[in-house]
Amino acid sequence: MEDYMLPCLNKQLFGLDCLGCGFQRATAFLFTGEFTQAFKMYPAVFTLWIFFIFIGLSMFIEIKNARKIKLILAIINGVIILVGYFYKMSYLF
């Protein structure tokens, strides 16, 4: 499966993970039922998929306060991504 994944250009050029590093592998773990491994790989994988599904649904179904919900989900995801990234970077150095 890893042969078909896109490489991280930031990691190849600078040797540092980007904010999205691990999302592809975490999604692969998620779809194979390895939920703990998915979380360890990329903590925001669950909330990001909820966010993506909500955006997709809101395109076809009128949802009350959809704009507000999207904003809240985006902020939650941003916080989880940043905290996870800084934790991973502090762990590596």
C-alpha atoms as a PDB file:
ATOM      1  CA  MET A   1       0.000   0.000   0.000  1.00  0.00           C
ATOM      2  CA  GLU A   2       2.817   2.404   0.858  1.00  0.00           C
ATOM      3  CA  ASP A   3       4.144   2.156  -2.715  1.00  0.00           C
ATOM      4  CA  TYR A   4       1.106   4.119  -3.924  1.00  0.00           C
ATOM      5  CA  MET A   5       1.259   6.926  -1.376  1.00  0.00           C
ATOM      6  CA  LEU A   6       2.428  10.420  -2.249  1.00  0.00           C
ATOM      7  CA  PRO A   7       5.761  11.397  -0.717  1.00  0.00           C
ATOM      8  CA  CYS A   8       6.027  14.494   1.464  1.00  0.00           C
ATOM      9  CA  LEU A   9       7.886  17.118  -0.537  1.00  0.00           C
ATOM     10  CA  ASN A  10       8.700  19.104   2.611  1.00  0.00           C
ATOM     11  CA  LYS A  11      10.298  16.062   4.224  1.00  0.00           C
ATOM     12  CA  GLN A  12      12.272  15.245   1.076  1.00  0.00           C
ATOM     13  CA  LEU A  13      13.588  18.793   0.639  1.00  0.00           C
ATOM     14  CA  PHE A  14      14.140  19.909   4.233  1.00  0.00           C
ATOM     15  CA  GLY A  15      14.147  16.688   6.245  1.00  0.00           C
ATOM     16  CA  LEU A  16      11.292  17.845   8.484  1.00  0.00           C
ATOM     17  CA  ASP A  17       7.745  16.574   8.674  1.00  0.00           C
ATOM     18  CA  CYS A  18       4.980  18.910   7.530  1.00  0.00           C
ATOM     19  CA  LEU A  19       1.661  19.407   9.328  1.00  0.00           C
ATOM     20  CA  GLY A  20       0.059  16.730   7.146  1.00  0.00           C
ATOM     21  CA  CYS A  21       2.750  14.062   7.428  1.00  0.00           C
ATOM     22  CA  GLY A  22       1.183  10.781   8.434  1.00  0.00           C
ATOM     23  CA  PHE A  23      -2.354  11.480   7.243  1.00  0.00           C
ATOM     24  CA  GLN A  24      -2.197   9.052   4.304  1.00  0.00           C
ATOM     25  CA  ARG A  25      -0.815   6.206   6.399  1.00  0.00           C
ATOM     26  CA  ALA A  26      -3.264   6.997   9.222  1.00  0.00           C
ATOM     27  CA  THR A  27      -6.150   6.834   6.738  1.00  0.00           C
ATOM     28  CA  ALA A  28      -4.855   3.473   5.481  1.00  0.00           C
ATOM     29  CA  PHE A  29      -4.749   2.216   9.092  1.00  0.00           C
ATOM     30  CA  LEU A  30      -8.253   3.584   9.635  1.00  0.00           C
ATOM     31  CA  PHE A  31      -9.673   1.729   6.634  1.00  0.00           C
ATOM     32  CA  THR A  32      -8.019  -1.521   7.720  1.00  0.00           C
ATOM     33  CA  GLY A  33      -9.526  -1.216  11.204  1.00  0.00           C
ATOM     34  CA  GLU A  34      -6.319  -0.371  13.068  1.00  0.00           C
ATOM     35  CA  PHE A  35      -7.750   2.613  14.925  1.00  0.00           C
ATOM     36  CA  THR A  36      -5.055   2.871  17.600  1.00  0.00           C
ATOM     37  CA  GLN A  37      -2.290   2.849  14.999  1.00  0.00           C
ATOM     38  CA  ALA A  38      -4.183   5.470  12.984  1.00  0.00           C
ATOM     39  CA  PHE A  39      -4.380   7.755  16.012  1.00  0.00           C
ATOM     40  CA  LYS A  40      -0.704   7.259  16.850  1.00  0.00           C
ATOM     41  CA  MET A  41       0.269   8.036  13.260  1.00  0.00           C
ATOM     42  CA  TYR A  42      -1.854  11.194  12.963  1.00  0.00           C
ATOM     43  CA  PRO A  43      -4.061  12.210  15.915  1.00  0.00           C
ATOM     44  CA  ALA A  44      -6.382  14.393  13.821  1.00  0.00           C
ATOM     45  CA  VAL A  45      -7.322  11.603  11.415  1.00  0.00           C
ATOM     46  CA  PHE A  46     -10.735  10.973  13.024  1.00  0.00           C
ATOM     47  CA  THR A  47     -11.784  14.601  13.341  1.00  0.00           C
ATOM     48  CA  LEU A  48     -10.544  15.424   9.844  1.00  0.00           C
ATOM     49  CA  TRP A  49     -12.642  12.656   8.322  1.00  0.00           C
ATOM     50  CA  ILE A  50     -15.665  13.891  10.286  1.00  0.00           C
ATOM     51  CA  PHE A  51     -14.935  17.370   8.904  1.00  0.00           C
ATOM     52  CA  PHE A  52     -14.599  16.089   5.308  1.00  0.00           C
ATOM     53  CA  ILE A  53     -17.802  14.060   5.559  1.00  0.00           C
ATOM     54  CA  PHE A  54     -19.682  17.022   7.022  1.00  0.00           C
ATOM     55  CA  ILE A  55     -18.479  19.295   4.201  1.00  0.00           C
ATOM     56  CA  GLY A  56     -19.550  16.702   1.642  1.00  0.00           C
ATOM     57  CA  LEU A  57     -22.968  16.289   3.199  1.00  0.00           C
ATOM     58  CA  SER A  58     -23.500  20.029   3.514  1.00  0.00           C
ATOM     59  CA  MET A  59     -22.992  20.366  -0.235  1.00  0.00           C
ATOM     60  CA  PHE A  60     -26.034  18.194  -0.906  1.00  0.00           C
ATOM     61  CA  ILE A  61     -28.147  18.607   2.230  1.00  0.00           C
ATOM     62  CA  GLU A  62     -29.138  21.905   3.772  1.00  0.00           C
ATOM     63  CA  ILE A  63     -27.924  21.805   7.358  1.00  0.00           C
ATOM     64  CA  LYS A  64     -28.939  24.434   9.873  1.00  0.00           C
ATOM     65  CA  ASN A  65     -25.907  26.439  11.110  1.00  0.00           C
ATOM     66  CA  ALA A  66     -23.617  24.559   8.721  1.00  0.00           C
ATOM     67  CA  ARG A  67     -21.251  27.508   8.396  1.00  0.00           C
ATOM     68  CA  LYS A  68     -20.830  27.768  12.162  1.00  0.00           C
ATOM     69  CA  ILE A  69     -20.320  24.010  12.503  1.00  0.00           C
ATOM     70  CA  LYS A  70     -17.676  24.046   9.750  1.00  0.00           C
ATOM     71  CA  LEU A  71     -15.833  26.848  11.508  1.00  0.00           C
ATOM     72  CA  ILE A  72     -15.899  25.007  14.842  1.00  0.00           C
ATOM     73  CA  LEU A  73     -14.713  21.766  13.216  1.00  0.00           C
ATOM     74  CA  ALA A  74     -11.935  23.634  11.393  1.00  0.00           C
ATOM     75  CA  ILE A  75     -10.723  25.223  14.635  1.00  0.00           C
ATOM     76  CA  ILE A  76     -10.820  21.897  16.484  1.00  0.00           C
ATOM     77  CA  ASN A  77      -8.862  20.231  13.691  1.00  0.00           C
ATOM     78  CA  GLY A  78      -6.347  23.051  13.557  1.00  0.00           C
ATOM     79  CA  VAL A  79      -5.685  22.782  17.290  1.00  0.00           C
ATOM     80  CA  ILE A  80      -5.334  18.988  17.175  1.00  0.00           C
ATOM     81  CA  ILE A  81      -3.002  19.173  14.165  1.00  0.00           C
ATOM     82  CA  LEU A  82      -0.785  21.831  15.769  1.00  0.00           C
ATOM     83  CA  VAL A  83      -0.612  20.119  19.158  1.00  0.00           C
ATOM     84  CA  GLY A  84       0.167  16.771  17.513  1.00  0.00           C
ATOM     85  CA  TYR A  85       2.808  18.341  15.286  1.00  0.00           C
ATOM     86  CA  PHE A  86       4.600  20.140  18.112  1.00  0.00           C
ATOM     87  CA  TYR A  87       4.460  16.999  20.253  1.00  0.00           C
ATOM     88  CA  LYS A  88       5.977  14.957  17.424  1.00  0.00           C
ATOM     89  CA  MET A  89       8.666  17.577  16.770  1.00  0.00           C
ATOM     90  CA  SER A  90       9.595  17.826  20.464  1.00  0.00           C
ATOM     91  CA  TYR A  91       9.748  14.035  20.627  1.00  0.00           C
ATOM     92  CA  LEU A  92      12.103  13.846  17.630  1.00  0.00           C
ATOM     93  CA  PHE A  93      14.559  16.452  18.934  1.00  0.00           C
END
